[in-house]
Amino acid sequence: MSFDVFVQTFENGGAGVADAEVIRALLAPYVRGNETRRLYTTDGTAELFGWDRLSSGFMVNHAGGREIWDVLVRVAKAARPTIMPIGCPVAVTSSDDIAPARTAWQRPRGGERPRLVGLDQ
């Protein structure tokens, strides 16, 4: 596959900060390369972008094989980022990461970032 897969943590309706050391420890056995990093599994490879800033998320593309998806799910279970393959359903590994059904984006004022709020608030 050649589509982009974004992996990012969210908190309180906005971008969150992930535990980069946990993510790095889980990805490191599969990473090769200095300039262009790639993940190598027993049945395929994927390009990896964002190695130097894992706490703000990362992206993989050109993912081949099934094992790369297992690696991404292990990362998501340990560090709780959301897996977002473009054009496909979003994947979370904890029901705690799913927004309540009655939520909406609140428009920002004065340069603030949009945030997700409960409609009952």
PDB file of N, CA and C in Angstrom:
ATOM      1  N   MET A   1       0.846  -1.184   0.000  1.00  0.00           N
ATOM      2  CA  MET A   1       0.000   0.000   0.000  1.00  0.00           C
ATOM      3  C   MET A   1       0.886   1.239   0.000  1.00  0.00           C
ATOM      4  N   SER A   2       0.376   2.303  -0.597  1.00  0.00           N
ATOM      5  CA  SER A   2       1.189   3.511  -0.654  1.00  0.00           C
ATOM      6  C   SER A   2       0.512   4.701   0.004  1.00  0.00           C
ATOM      7  N   PHE A   3      -0.580   4.490   0.713  1.00  0.00           N
ATOM      8  CA  PHE A   3      -1.213   5.627   1.367  1.00  0.00           C
ATOM      9  C   PHE A   3      -0.507   6.001   2.665  1.00  0.00           C
ATOM     10  N   ASP A   4      -0.766   7.215   3.120  1.00  0.00           N
ATOM     11  CA  ASP A   4      -0.133   7.716   4.341  1.00  0.00           C
ATOM     12  C   ASP A   4      -0.905   7.246   5.563  1.00  0.00           C
ATOM     13  N   VAL A   5      -0.175   6.885   6.606  1.00  0.00           N
ATOM     14  CA  VAL A   5      -0.766   6.473   7.879  1.00  0.00           C
ATOM     15  C   VAL A   5      -0.173   7.376   8.953  1.00  0.00           C
ATOM     16  N   PHE A   6      -1.009   8.218   9.535  1.00  0.00           N
ATOM     17  CA  PHE A   6      -0.572   9.120  10.588  1.00  0.00           C
ATOM     18  C   PHE A   6      -0.839   8.475  11.943  1.00  0.00           C
ATOM     19  N   VAL A   7       0.087   8.661  12.879  1.00  0.00           N
ATOM     20  CA  VAL A   7      -0.035   8.114  14.228  1.00  0.00           C
ATOM     21  C   VAL A   7       0.202   9.273  15.176  1.00  0.00           C
ATOM     22  N   GLN A   8      -0.860   9.672  15.898  1.00  0.00           N
ATOM     23  CA  GLN A   8      -0.768  10.873  16.731  1.00  0.00           C
ATOM     24  C   GLN A   8      -1.631  10.727  17.973  1.00  0.00           C
ATOM     25  N   THR A   9      -1.189  11.349  19.041  1.00  0.00           N
ATOM     26  CA  THR A   9      -1.922  11.370  20.298  1.00  0.00           C
ATOM     27  C   THR A   9      -2.806  12.615  20.349  1.00  0.00           C
ATOM     28  N   PHE A  10      -3.985  12.453  20.932  1.00  0.00           N
ATOM     29  CA  PHE A  10      -4.900  13.576  21.123  1.00  0.00           C
ATOM     30  C   PHE A  10      -5.270  13.690  22.595  1.00  0.00           C
ATOM     31  N   GLU A  11      -5.418  14.928  23.067  1.00  0.00           N
ATOM     32  CA  GLU A  11      -5.825  15.189  24.449  1.00  0.00           C
ATOM     33  C   GLU A  11      -6.782  16.368  24.462  1.00  0.00           C
ATOM     34  N   ASN A  12      -7.907  16.217  25.140  1.00  0.00           N
ATOM     35  CA  ASN A  12      -8.868  17.306  25.301  1.00  0.00           C
ATOM     36  C   ASN A  12      -9.241  17.948  23.969  1.00  0.00           C
ATOM     37  N   GLY A  13      -9.413  17.127  22.942  1.00  0.00           N
ATOM     38  CA  GLY A  13      -9.852  17.629  21.652  1.00  0.00           C
ATOM     39  C   GLY A  13      -8.783  18.226  20.773  1.00  0.00           C
ATOM     40  N   GLY A  14      -7.544  18.198  21.195  1.00  0.00           N
ATOM     41  CA  GLY A  14      -6.462  18.754  20.379  1.00  0.00           C
ATOM     42  C   GLY A  14      -5.282  17.804  20.331  1.00  0.00           C
ATOM     43  N   ALA A  15      -4.239  18.237  19.646  1.00  0.00           N
ATOM     44  CA  ALA A  15      -3.033  17.421  19.562  1.00  0.00           C
ATOM     45  C   ALA A  15      -2.433  17.228  20.946  1.00  0.00           C
ATOM     46  N   GLY A  16      -2.003  16.025  21.242  1.00  0.00           N
ATOM     47  CA  GLY A  16      -1.399  15.725  22.531  1.00  0.00           C
ATOM     48  C   GLY A  16       0.082  15.416  22.390  1.00  0.00           C
ATOM     49  N   VAL A  17       0.688  15.086  23.498  1.00  0.00           N
ATOM     50  CA  VAL A  17       2.109  14.744  23.528  1.00  0.00           C
ATOM     51  C   VAL A  17       2.227  13.276  23.925  1.00  0.00           C
ATOM     52  N   ALA A  18       2.848  12.502  23.061  1.00  0.00           N
ATOM     53  CA  ALA A  18       3.028  11.073  23.321  1.00  0.00           C
ATOM     54  C   ALA A  18       4.359  10.834  24.022  1.00  0.00           C
ATOM     55  N   ASP A  19       4.486   9.681  24.629  1.00  0.00           N
ATOM     56  CA  ASP A  19       5.736   9.283  25.281  1.00  0.00           C
ATOM     57  C   ASP A  19       6.709   8.794  24.207  1.00  0.00           C
ATOM     58  N   ALA A  20       7.583   9.672  23.755  1.00  0.00           N
ATOM     59  CA  ALA A  20       8.503   9.369  22.653  1.00  0.00           C
ATOM     60  C   ALA A  20       9.419   8.195  22.974  1.00  0.00           C
ATOM     61  N   GLU A  21       9.829   8.052  24.218  1.00  0.00           N
ATOM     62  CA  GLU A  21      10.738   6.958  24.573  1.00  0.00           C
ATOM     63  C   GLU A  21      10.057   5.600  24.440  1.00  0.00           C
ATOM     64  N   VAL A  22       8.789   5.523  24.808  1.00  0.00           N
ATOM     65  CA  VAL A  22       8.045   4.271  24.651  1.00  0.00           C
ATOM     66  C   VAL A  22       7.914   3.939  23.170  1.00  0.00           C
ATOM     67  N   ILE A  23       7.543   4.932  22.371  1.00  0.00           N
ATOM     68  CA  ILE A  23       7.394   4.712  20.932  1.00  0.00           C
ATOM     69  C   ILE A  23       8.734   4.326  20.304  1.00  0.00           C
ATOM     70  N   ARG A  24       9.785   5.049  20.662  1.00  0.00           N
ATOM     71  CA  ARG A  24      11.113   4.763  20.111  1.00  0.00           C
ATOM     72  C   ARG A  24      11.556   3.338  20.456  1.00  0.00           C
ATOM     73  N   ALA A  25      11.318   2.902  21.684  1.00  0.00           N
ATOM     74  CA  ALA A  25      11.713   1.552  22.098  1.00  0.00           C
ATOM     75  C   ALA A  25      10.966   0.482  21.301  1.00  0.00           C
ATOM     76  N   LEU A  26       9.703   0.736  20.985  1.00  0.00           N
ATOM     77  CA  LEU A  26       8.925  -0.245  20.233  1.00  0.00           C
ATOM     78  C   LEU A  26       9.268  -0.254  18.740  1.00  0.00           C
ATOM     79  N   LEU A  27       9.609   0.906  18.192  1.00  0.00           N
ATOM     80  CA  LEU A  27       9.936   0.986  16.766  1.00  0.00           C
ATOM     81  C   LEU A  27      11.403   0.642  16.465  1.00  0.00           C
ATOM     82  N   ALA A  28      12.299   0.901  17.418  1.00  0.00           N
ATOM     83  CA  ALA A  28      13.736   0.766  17.188  1.00  0.00           C
ATOM     84  C   ALA A  28      14.158  -0.585  16.600  1.00  0.00           C
ATOM     85  N   PRO A  29      13.599  -1.704  17.036  1.00  0.00           N
ATOM     86  CA  PRO A  29      14.043  -2.979  16.453  1.00  0.00           C
ATOM     87  C   PRO A  29      13.751  -3.105  14.956  1.00  0.00           C
ATOM     88  N   TYR A  30      12.869  -2.284  14.441  1.00  0.00           N
ATOM     89  CA  TYR A  30      12.474  -2.364  13.044  1.00  0.00           C
ATOM     90  C   TYR A  30      13.078  -1.258  12.172  1.00  0.00           C
ATOM     91  N   VAL A  31      13.742  -0.277  12.787  1.00  0.00           N
ATOM     92  CA  VAL A  31      14.210   0.908  12.066  1.00  0.00           C
ATOM     93  C   VAL A  31      15.607   0.698  11.501  1.00  0.00           C
ATOM     94  N   ARG A  32      15.758   1.118  10.243  1.00  0.00           N
ATOM     95  CA  ARG A  32      17.071   1.171   9.596  1.00  0.00           C
ATOM     96  C   ARG A  32      17.139   2.458   8.801  1.00  0.00           C
ATOM     97  N   GLY A  33      18.346   2.972   8.651  1.00  0.00           N
ATOM     98  CA  GLY A  33      18.559   4.168   7.847  1.00  0.00           C
ATOM     99  C   GLY A  33      18.771   5.402   8.698  1.00  0.00           C
ATOM    100  N   ASN A  34      19.485   6.361   8.146  1.00  0.00           N
ATOM    101  CA  ASN A  34      19.744   7.616   8.841  1.00  0.00           C
ATOM    102  C   ASN A  34      18.954   8.767   8.238  1.00  0.00           C
ATOM    103  N   GLU A  35      19.150   9.009   6.949  1.00  0.00           N
ATOM    104  CA  GLU A  35      18.438  10.109   6.287  1.00  0.00           C
ATOM    105  C   GLU A  35      16.975   9.733   6.062  1.00  0.00           C
ATOM    106  N   THR A  36      16.747   8.651   5.348  1.00  0.00           N
ATOM    107  CA  THR A  36      15.397   8.140   5.126  1.00  0.00           C
ATOM    108  C   THR A  36      15.246   6.890   5.961  1.00  0.00           C
ATOM    109  N   ARG A  37      14.432   6.970   6.979  1.00  0.00           N
ATOM    110  CA  ARG A  37      14.251   5.820   7.866  1.00  0.00           C
ATOM    111  C   ARG A  37      13.161   4.913   7.315  1.00  0.00           C
ATOM    112  N   ARG A  38      13.391   3.643   7.471  1.00  0.00           N
ATOM    113  CA  ARG A  38      12.419   2.641   7.049  1.00  0.00           C
ATOM    114  C   ARG A  38      12.219   1.647   8.183  1.00  0.00           C
ATOM    115  N   LEU A  39      11.016   1.112   8.241  1.00  0.00           N
ATOM    116  CA  LEU A  39      10.704   0.025   9.152  1.00  0.00           C
ATOM    117  C   LEU A  39      10.781  -1.271   8.356  1.00  0.00           C
ATOM    118  N   TYR A  40      11.495  -2.250   8.883  1.00  0.00           N
ATOM    119  CA  TYR A  40      11.632  -3.545   8.233  1.00  0.00           C
ATOM    120  C   TYR A  40      11.040  -4.604   9.143  1.00  0.00           C
ATOM    121  N   THR A  41      10.060  -5.342   8.634  1.00  0.00           N
ATOM    122  CA  THR A  41       9.478  -6.459   9.367  1.00  0.00           C
ATOM    123  C   THR A  41       9.787  -7.734   8.594  1.00  0.00           C
ATOM    124  N   THR A  42       9.351  -8.863   9.100  1.00  0.00           N
ATOM    125  CA  THR A  42       9.648 -10.132   8.430  1.00  0.00           C
ATOM    126  C   THR A  42       8.922 -10.271   7.106  1.00  0.00           C
ATOM    127  N   ASP A  43       7.843  -9.501   6.908  1.00  0.00           N
ATOM    128  CA  ASP A  43       7.093  -9.656   5.662  1.00  0.00           C
ATOM    129  C   ASP A  43       6.930  -8.366   4.847  1.00  0.00           C
ATOM    130  N   GLY A  44       7.657  -7.302   5.200  1.00  0.00           N
ATOM    131  CA  GLY A  44       7.534  -6.079   4.419  1.00  0.00           C
ATOM    132  C   GLY A  44       8.291  -4.912   5.027  1.00  0.00           C
ATOM    133  N   THR A  45       8.090  -3.736   4.427  1.00  0.00           N
ATOM    134  CA  THR A  45       8.751  -2.525   4.889  1.00  0.00           C
ATOM    135  C   THR A  45       7.766  -1.359   4.840  1.00  0.00           C
ATOM    136  N   ALA A  46       8.173  -0.242   5.419  1.00  0.00           N
ATOM    137  CA  ALA A  46       7.410   1.008   5.340  1.00  0.00           C
ATOM    138  C   ALA A  46       8.383   2.159   5.547  1.00  0.00           C
ATOM    139  N   GLU A  47       8.122   3.277   4.885  1.00  0.00           N
ATOM    140  CA  GLU A  47       8.903   4.482   5.141  1.00  0.00           C
ATOM    141  C   GLU A  47       8.395   5.103   6.431  1.00  0.00           C
ATOM    142  N   LEU A  48       9.305   5.678   7.206  1.00  0.00           N
ATOM    143  CA  LEU A  48       8.963   6.283   8.496  1.00  0.00           C
ATOM    144  C   LEU A  48       9.384   7.746   8.495  1.00  0.00           C
ATOM    145  N   PHE A  49       8.454   8.621   8.833  1.00  0.00           N
ATOM    146  CA  PHE A  49       8.721  10.051   8.917  1.00  0.00           C
ATOM    147  C   PHE A  49       8.376  10.534  10.324  1.00  0.00           C
ATOM    148  N   GLY A  50       9.227  11.370  10.910  1.00  0.00           N
ATOM    149  CA  GLY A  50       8.971  11.919  12.231  1.00  0.00           C
ATOM    150  C   GLY A  50       9.761  11.272  13.351  1.00  0.00           C
ATOM    151  N   TRP A  51      10.778  10.490  13.022  1.00  0.00           N
ATOM    152  CA  TRP A  51      11.584   9.805  14.041  1.00  0.00           C
ATOM    153  C   TRP A  51      12.166  10.783  15.059  1.00  0.00           C
ATOM    154  N   ASP A  52      12.532  11.975  14.614  1.00  0.00           N
ATOM    155  CA  ASP A  52      13.170  12.952  15.498  1.00  0.00           C
ATOM    156  C   ASP A  52      12.188  13.722  16.363  1.00  0.00           C
ATOM    157  N   ARG A  53      10.902  13.524  16.144  1.00  0.00           N
ATOM    158  CA  ARG A  53       9.887  14.231  16.953  1.00  0.00           C
ATOM    159  C   ARG A  53       8.698  13.308  17.245  1.00  0.00           C
ATOM    160  N   LEU A  54       8.977  12.130  17.729  1.00  0.00           N
ATOM    161  CA  LEU A  54       7.950  11.124  17.971  1.00  0.00           C
ATOM    162  C   LEU A  54       6.881  11.574  18.963  1.00  0.00           C
ATOM    163  N   SER A  55       7.209  12.482  19.863  1.00  0.00           N
ATOM    164  CA  SER A  55       6.214  12.920  20.855  1.00  0.00           C
ATOM    165  C   SER A  55       5.054  13.666  20.209  1.00  0.00           C
ATOM    166  N   SER A  56       5.270  14.230  19.014  1.00  0.00           N
ATOM    167  CA  SER A  56       4.180  14.936  18.333  1.00  0.00           C
ATOM    168  C   SER A  56       3.535  14.079  17.249  1.00  0.00           C
ATOM    169  N   GLY A  57       3.951  12.839  17.118  1.00  0.00           N
ATOM    170  CA  GLY A  57       3.366  11.929  16.146  1.00  0.00           C
ATOM    171  C   GLY A  57       4.349  11.573  15.047  1.00  0.00           C
ATOM    172  N   PHE A  58       3.959  10.618  14.219  1.00  0.00           N
ATOM    173  CA  PHE A  58       4.800  10.207  13.104  1.00  0.00           C
ATOM    174  C   PHE A  58       3.909   9.691  11.981  1.00  0.00           C
ATOM    175  N   MET A  59       4.523   9.428  10.848  1.00  0.00           N
ATOM    176  CA  MET A  59       3.786   8.932   9.693  1.00  0.00           C
ATOM    177  C   MET A  59       4.562   7.798   9.050  1.00  0.00           C
ATOM    178  N   VAL A  60       3.837   6.814   8.554  1.00  0.00           N
ATOM    179  CA  VAL A  60       4.436   5.782   7.724  1.00  0.00           C
ATOM    180  C   VAL A  60       3.694   5.763   6.394  1.00  0.00           C
ATOM    181  N   ASN A  61       4.405   5.380   5.337  1.00  0.00           N
ATOM    182  CA  ASN A  61       3.732   5.143   4.061  1.00  0.00           C
ATOM    183  C   ASN A  61       4.468   4.047   3.314  1.00  0.00           C
ATOM    184  N   HIS A  62       3.892   3.643   2.200  1.00  0.00           N
ATOM    185  CA  HIS A  62       4.413   2.520   1.421  1.00  0.00           C
ATOM    186  C   HIS A  62       4.550   1.279   2.300  1.00  0.00           C
ATOM    187  N   ALA A  63       3.570   1.086   3.188  1.00  0.00           N
ATOM    188  CA  ALA A  63       3.595  -0.057   4.097  1.00  0.00           C
ATOM    189  C   ALA A  63       3.265  -1.332   3.343  1.00  0.00           C
ATOM    190  N   GLY A  64       4.107  -2.324   3.514  1.00  0.00           N
ATOM    191  CA  GLY A  64       3.888  -3.617   2.886  1.00  0.00           C
ATOM    192  C   GLY A  64       3.878  -4.713   3.917  1.00  0.00           C
ATOM    193  N   GLY A  65       3.039  -5.710   3.705  1.00  0.00           N
ATOM    194  CA  GLY A  65       2.947  -6.827   4.633  1.00  0.00           C
ATOM    195  C   GLY A  65       1.939  -6.566   5.742  1.00  0.00           C
ATOM    196  N   ARG A  66       1.763  -7.572   6.569  1.00  0.00           N
ATOM    197  CA  ARG A  66       0.804  -7.467   7.679  1.00  0.00           C
ATOM    198  C   ARG A  66       1.472  -7.064   8.991  1.00  0.00           C
ATOM    199  N   GLU A  67       2.719  -7.453   9.169  1.00  0.00           N
ATOM    200  CA  GLU A  67       3.368  -7.243  10.466  1.00  0.00           C
ATOM    201  C   GLU A  67       3.509  -5.770  10.824  1.00  0.00           C
ATOM    202  N   ILE A  68       3.654  -4.888   9.825  1.00  0.00           N
ATOM    203  CA  ILE A  68       3.780  -3.461  10.131  1.00  0.00           C
ATOM    204  C   ILE A  68       2.557  -2.969  10.889  1.00  0.00           C
ATOM    205  N   TRP A  69       1.386  -3.517  10.565  1.00  0.00           N
ATOM    206  CA  TRP A  69       0.158  -3.113  11.262  1.00  0.00           C
ATOM    207  C   TRP A  69       0.179  -3.598  12.706  1.00  0.00           C
ATOM    208  N   ASP A  70       0.724  -4.779  12.935  1.00  0.00           N
ATOM    209  CA  ASP A  70       0.880  -5.276  14.310  1.00  0.00           C
ATOM    210  C   ASP A  70       1.815  -4.362  15.106  1.00  0.00           C
ATOM    211  N   VAL A  71       2.883  -3.898  14.470  1.00  0.00           N
ATOM    212  CA  VAL A  71       3.827  -2.989  15.131  1.00  0.00           C
ATOM    213  C   VAL A  71       3.100  -1.686  15.508  1.00  0.00           C
ATOM    214  N   LEU A  72       2.327  -1.131  14.581  1.00  0.00           N
ATOM    215  CA  LEU A  72       1.608   0.115  14.873  1.00  0.00           C
ATOM    216  C   LEU A  72       0.590  -0.072  15.996  1.00  0.00           C
ATOM    217  N   VAL A  73      -0.072  -1.212  16.029  1.00  0.00           N
ATOM    218  CA  VAL A  73      -1.037  -1.472  17.106  1.00  0.00           C
ATOM    219  C   VAL A  73      -0.315  -1.621  18.442  1.00  0.00           C
ATOM    220  N   ARG A  74       0.857  -2.267  18.467  1.00  0.00           N
ATOM    221  CA  ARG A  74       1.620  -2.356  19.727  1.00  0.00           C
ATOM    222  C   ARG A  74       2.015  -0.963  20.221  1.00  0.00           C
ATOM    223  N   VAL A  75       2.413  -0.089  19.304  1.00  0.00           N
ATOM    224  CA  VAL A  75       2.730   1.295  19.675  1.00  0.00           C
ATOM    225  C   VAL A  75       1.490   1.974  20.244  1.00  0.00           C
ATOM    226  N   ALA A  76       0.360   1.798  19.576  1.00  0.00           N
ATOM    227  CA  ALA A  76      -0.879   2.436  20.026  1.00  0.00           C
ATOM    228  C   ALA A  76      -1.324   1.919  21.388  1.00  0.00           C
ATOM    229  N   LYS A  77      -1.165   0.644  21.638  1.00  0.00           N
ATOM    230  CA  LYS A  77      -1.547   0.096  22.943  1.00  0.00           C
ATOM    231  C   LYS A  77      -0.651   0.625  24.054  1.00  0.00           C
ATOM    232  N   ALA A  78       0.626   0.809  23.764  1.00  0.00           N
ATOM    233  CA  ALA A  78       1.575   1.240  24.792  1.00  0.00           C
ATOM    234  C   ALA A  78       1.561   2.747  25.026  1.00  0.00           C
ATOM    235  N   ALA A  79       1.481   3.533  23.960  1.00  0.00           N
ATOM    236  CA  ALA A  79       1.601   4.992  24.088  1.00  0.00           C
ATOM    237  C   ALA A  79       0.285   5.718  23.815  1.00  0.00           C
ATOM    238  N   ARG A  80      -0.737   5.002  23.396  1.00  0.00           N
ATOM    239  CA  ARG A  80      -2.101   5.481  23.171  1.00  0.00           C
ATOM    240  C   ARG A  80      -2.283   6.525  22.074  1.00  0.00           C
ATOM    241  N   PRO A  81      -1.474   6.506  21.019  1.00  0.00           N
ATOM    242  CA  PRO A  81      -1.817   7.380  19.897  1.00  0.00           C
ATOM    243  C   PRO A  81      -2.936   6.749  19.064  1.00  0.00           C
ATOM    244  N   THR A  82      -3.531   7.541  18.226  1.00  0.00           N
ATOM    245  CA  THR A  82      -4.557   7.104  17.288  1.00  0.00           C
ATOM    246  C   THR A  82      -3.876   6.769  15.958  1.00  0.00           C
ATOM    247  N   ILE A  83      -4.300   5.694  15.320  1.00  0.00           N
ATOM    248  CA  ILE A  83      -3.774   5.303  14.014  1.00  0.00           C
ATOM    249  C   ILE A  83      -4.762   5.799  12.966  1.00  0.00           C
ATOM    250  N   MET A  84      -4.284   6.651  12.050  1.00  0.00           N
ATOM    251  CA  MET A  84      -5.170   7.288  11.077  1.00  0.00           C
ATOM    252  C   MET A  84      -4.686   7.044   9.650  1.00  0.00           C
ATOM    253  N   PRO A  85      -5.083   5.918   9.044  1.00  0.00           N
ATOM    254  CA  PRO A  85      -4.730   5.694   7.643  1.00  0.00           C
ATOM    255  C   PRO A  85      -5.657   6.524   6.753  1.00  0.00           C
ATOM    256  N   ILE A  86      -5.095   7.335   5.886  1.00  0.00           N
ATOM    257  CA  ILE A  86      -5.891   8.215   5.042  1.00  0.00           C
ATOM    258  C   ILE A  86      -6.823   7.380   4.157  1.00  0.00           C
ATOM    259  N   GLY A  87      -8.103   7.745   4.177  1.00  0.00           N
ATOM    260  CA  GLY A  87      -9.095   7.053   3.364  1.00  0.00           C
ATOM    261  C   GLY A  87      -9.638   5.791   3.989  1.00  0.00           C
ATOM    262  N   CYS A  88      -9.251   5.502   5.230  1.00  0.00           N
ATOM    263  CA  CYS A  88      -9.696   4.300   5.936  1.00  0.00           C
ATOM    264  C   CYS A  88     -10.201   4.701   7.323  1.00  0.00           C
ATOM    265  N   PRO A  89     -10.916   3.813   8.006  1.00  0.00           N
ATOM    266  CA  PRO A  89     -11.359   4.135   9.369  1.00  0.00           C
ATOM    267  C   PRO A  89     -10.177   4.373  10.313  1.00  0.00           C
ATOM    268  N   VAL A  90     -10.394   5.253  11.270  1.00  0.00           N
ATOM    269  CA  VAL A  90      -9.411   5.557  12.314  1.00  0.00           C
ATOM    270  C   VAL A  90      -9.431   4.430  13.335  1.00  0.00           C
ATOM    271  N   ALA A  91      -8.264   4.109  13.901  1.00  0.00           N
ATOM    272  CA  ALA A  91      -8.175   3.030  14.884  1.00  0.00           C
ATOM    273  C   ALA A  91      -7.654   3.557  16.212  1.00  0.00           C
ATOM    274  N   VAL A  92      -8.360   3.217  17.288  1.00  0.00           N
ATOM    275  CA  VAL A  92      -7.904   3.491  18.646  1.00  0.00           C
ATOM    276  C   VAL A  92      -7.857   2.161  19.381  1.00  0.00           C
ATOM    277  N   THR A  93      -7.023   2.074  20.402  1.00  0.00           N
ATOM    278  CA  THR A  93      -6.885   0.805  21.123  1.00  0.00           C
ATOM    279  C   THR A  93      -7.518   0.842  22.505  1.00  0.00           C
ATOM    280  N   SER A  94      -8.108   1.970  22.881  1.00  0.00           N
ATOM    281  CA  SER A  94      -8.758   2.086  24.185  1.00  0.00           C
ATOM    282  C   SER A  94     -10.060   2.856  24.029  1.00  0.00           C
ATOM    283  N   SER A  95     -11.110   2.373  24.660  1.00  0.00           N
ATOM    284  CA  SER A  95     -12.385   3.095  24.593  1.00  0.00           C
ATOM    285  C   SER A  95     -12.280   4.459  25.274  1.00  0.00           C
ATOM    286  N   ASP A  96     -11.272   4.653  26.113  1.00  0.00           N
ATOM    287  CA  ASP A  96     -11.056   5.961  26.750  1.00  0.00           C
ATOM    288  C   ASP A  96     -10.679   7.030  25.724  1.00  0.00           C
ATOM    289  N   ASP A  97     -10.225   6.614  24.547  1.00  0.00           N
ATOM    290  CA  ASP A  97      -9.783   7.556  23.523  1.00  0.00           C
ATOM    291  C   ASP A  97     -10.887   7.937  22.544  1.00  0.00           C
ATOM    292  N   ILE A  98     -12.090   7.450  22.771  1.00  0.00           N
ATOM    293  CA  ILE A  98     -13.213   7.760  21.889  1.00  0.00           C
ATOM    294  C   ILE A  98     -14.014   8.900  22.502  1.00  0.00           C
ATOM    295  N   ALA A  99     -14.266   9.936  21.711  1.00  0.00           N
ATOM    296  CA  ALA A  99     -15.044  11.082  22.191  1.00  0.00           C
ATOM    297  C   ALA A  99     -16.485  10.652  22.420  1.00  0.00           C
ATOM    298  N   PRO A 100     -17.139  11.193  23.447  1.00  0.00           N
ATOM    299  CA  PRO A 100     -18.558  10.892  23.667  1.00  0.00           C
ATOM    300  C   PRO A 100     -19.377  11.269  22.432  1.00  0.00           C
ATOM    301  N   ALA A 101     -20.511  10.609  22.267  1.00  0.00           N
ATOM    302  CA  ALA A 101     -21.342  10.837  21.085  1.00  0.00           C
ATOM    303  C   ALA A 101     -21.837  12.279  20.993  1.00  0.00           C
ATOM    304  N   ARG A 102     -22.053  12.924  22.116  1.00  0.00           N
ATOM    305  CA  ARG A 102     -22.590  14.287  22.083  1.00  0.00           C
ATOM    306  C   ARG A 102     -21.461  15.298  22.268  1.00  0.00           C
ATOM    307  N   THR A 103     -20.627  15.402  21.255  1.00  0.00           N
ATOM    308  CA  THR A 103     -19.528  16.360  21.280  1.00  0.00           C
ATOM    309  C   THR A 103     -19.535  17.179  19.999  1.00  0.00           C
ATOM    310  N   ALA A 104     -18.857  18.302  20.043  1.00  0.00           N
ATOM    311  CA  ALA A 104     -18.735  19.157  18.857  1.00  0.00           C
ATOM    312  C   ALA A 104     -17.474  19.991  18.993  1.00  0.00           C
ATOM    313  N   TRP A 105     -16.989  20.491  17.862  1.00  0.00           N
ATOM    314  CA  TRP A 105     -15.832  21.368  17.889  1.00  0.00           C
ATOM    315  C   TRP A 105     -16.279  22.759  18.292  1.00  0.00           C
ATOM    316  N   GLN A 106     -15.615  23.328  19.280  1.00  0.00           N
ATOM    317  CA  GLN A 106     -15.888  24.699  19.715  1.00  0.00           C
ATOM    318  C   GLN A 106     -14.992  25.640  18.922  1.00  0.00           C
ATOM    319  N   ARG A 107     -15.593  26.675  18.355  1.00  0.00           N
ATOM    320  CA  ARG A 107     -14.807  27.628  17.570  1.00  0.00           C
ATOM    321  C   ARG A 107     -13.908  28.436  18.507  1.00  0.00           C
ATOM    322  N   PRO A 108     -12.663  28.642  18.092  1.00  0.00           N
ATOM    323  CA  PRO A 108     -11.724  29.375  18.954  1.00  0.00           C
ATOM    324  C   PRO A 108     -11.987  30.880  18.928  1.00  0.00           C
ATOM    325  N   ARG A 109     -11.525  31.532  19.964  1.00  0.00           N
ATOM    326  CA  ARG A 109     -11.579  32.994  20.042  1.00  0.00           C
ATOM    327  C   ARG A 109     -10.174  33.491  20.288  1.00  0.00           C
ATOM    328  N   GLY A 110      -9.827  34.579  19.686  1.00  0.00           N
ATOM    329  CA  GLY A 110      -8.537  35.207  19.958  1.00  0.00           C
ATOM    330  C   GLY A 110      -7.335  34.342  19.671  1.00  0.00           C
ATOM    331  N   GLY A 111      -7.373  33.538  18.595  1.00  0.00           N
ATOM    332  CA  GLY A 111      -6.208  32.747  18.220  1.00  0.00           C
ATOM    333  C   GLY A 111      -6.063  31.420  18.944  1.00  0.00           C
ATOM    334  N   GLU A 112      -7.017  31.050  19.786  1.00  0.00           N
ATOM    335  CA  GLU A 112      -6.940  29.759  20.457  1.00  0.00           C
ATOM    336  C   GLU A 112      -7.185  28.648  19.451  1.00  0.00           C
ATOM    337  N   ARG A 113      -6.739  27.456  19.785  1.00  0.00           N
ATOM    338  CA  ARG A 113      -6.952  26.296  18.929  1.00  0.00           C
ATOM    339  C   ARG A 113      -8.364  25.760  19.132  1.00  0.00           C
ATOM    340  N   PRO A 114      -8.983  25.211  18.076  1.00  0.00           N
ATOM    341  CA  PRO A 114     -10.302  24.582  18.256  1.00  0.00           C
ATOM    342  C   PRO A 114     -10.186  23.452  19.268  1.00  0.00           C
ATOM    343  N   ARG A 115     -11.269  23.176  19.979  1.00  0.00           N
ATOM    344  CA  ARG A 115     -11.242  22.067  20.926  1.00  0.00           C
ATOM    345  C   ARG A 115     -12.575  21.353  20.914  1.00  0.00           C
ATOM    346  N   LEU A 116     -12.562  20.097  21.301  1.00  0.00           N
ATOM    347  CA  LEU A 116     -13.735  19.256  21.338  1.00  0.00           C
ATOM    348  C   LEU A 116     -14.409  19.433  22.695  1.00  0.00           C
ATOM    349  N   VAL A 117     -15.686  19.740  22.713  1.00  0.00           N
ATOM    350  CA  VAL A 117     -16.408  19.923  23.970  1.00  0.00           C
ATOM    351  C   VAL A 117     -17.686  19.103  23.948  1.00  0.00           C
ATOM    352  N   GLY A 118     -18.182  18.737  25.136  1.00  0.00           N
ATOM    353  CA  GLY A 118     -19.443  18.040  25.246  1.00  0.00           C
ATOM    354  C   GLY A 118     -20.594  18.993  24.987  1.00  0.00           C
ATOM    355  N   LEU A 119     -21.613  18.525  24.275  1.00  0.00           N
ATOM    356  CA  LEU A 119     -22.742  19.386  23.968  1.00  0.00           C
ATOM    357  C   LEU A 119     -23.601  19.661  25.199  1.00  0.00           C
ATOM    358  N   ASP A 120     -23.452  18.863  26.238  1.00  0.00           N
ATOM    359  CA  ASP A 120     -24.223  19.064  27.466  1.00  0.00           C
ATOM    360  C   ASP A 120     -23.568  20.064  28.404  1.00  0.00           C
ATOM    361  N   GLN A 121     -22.398  20.602  28.036  1.00  0.00           N
ATOM    362  CA  GLN A 121     -21.685  21.532  28.923  1.00  0.00           C
ATOM    363  C   GLN A 121     -22.245  22.931  28.804  1.00  0.00           C
TER     364      GLN A 121
END
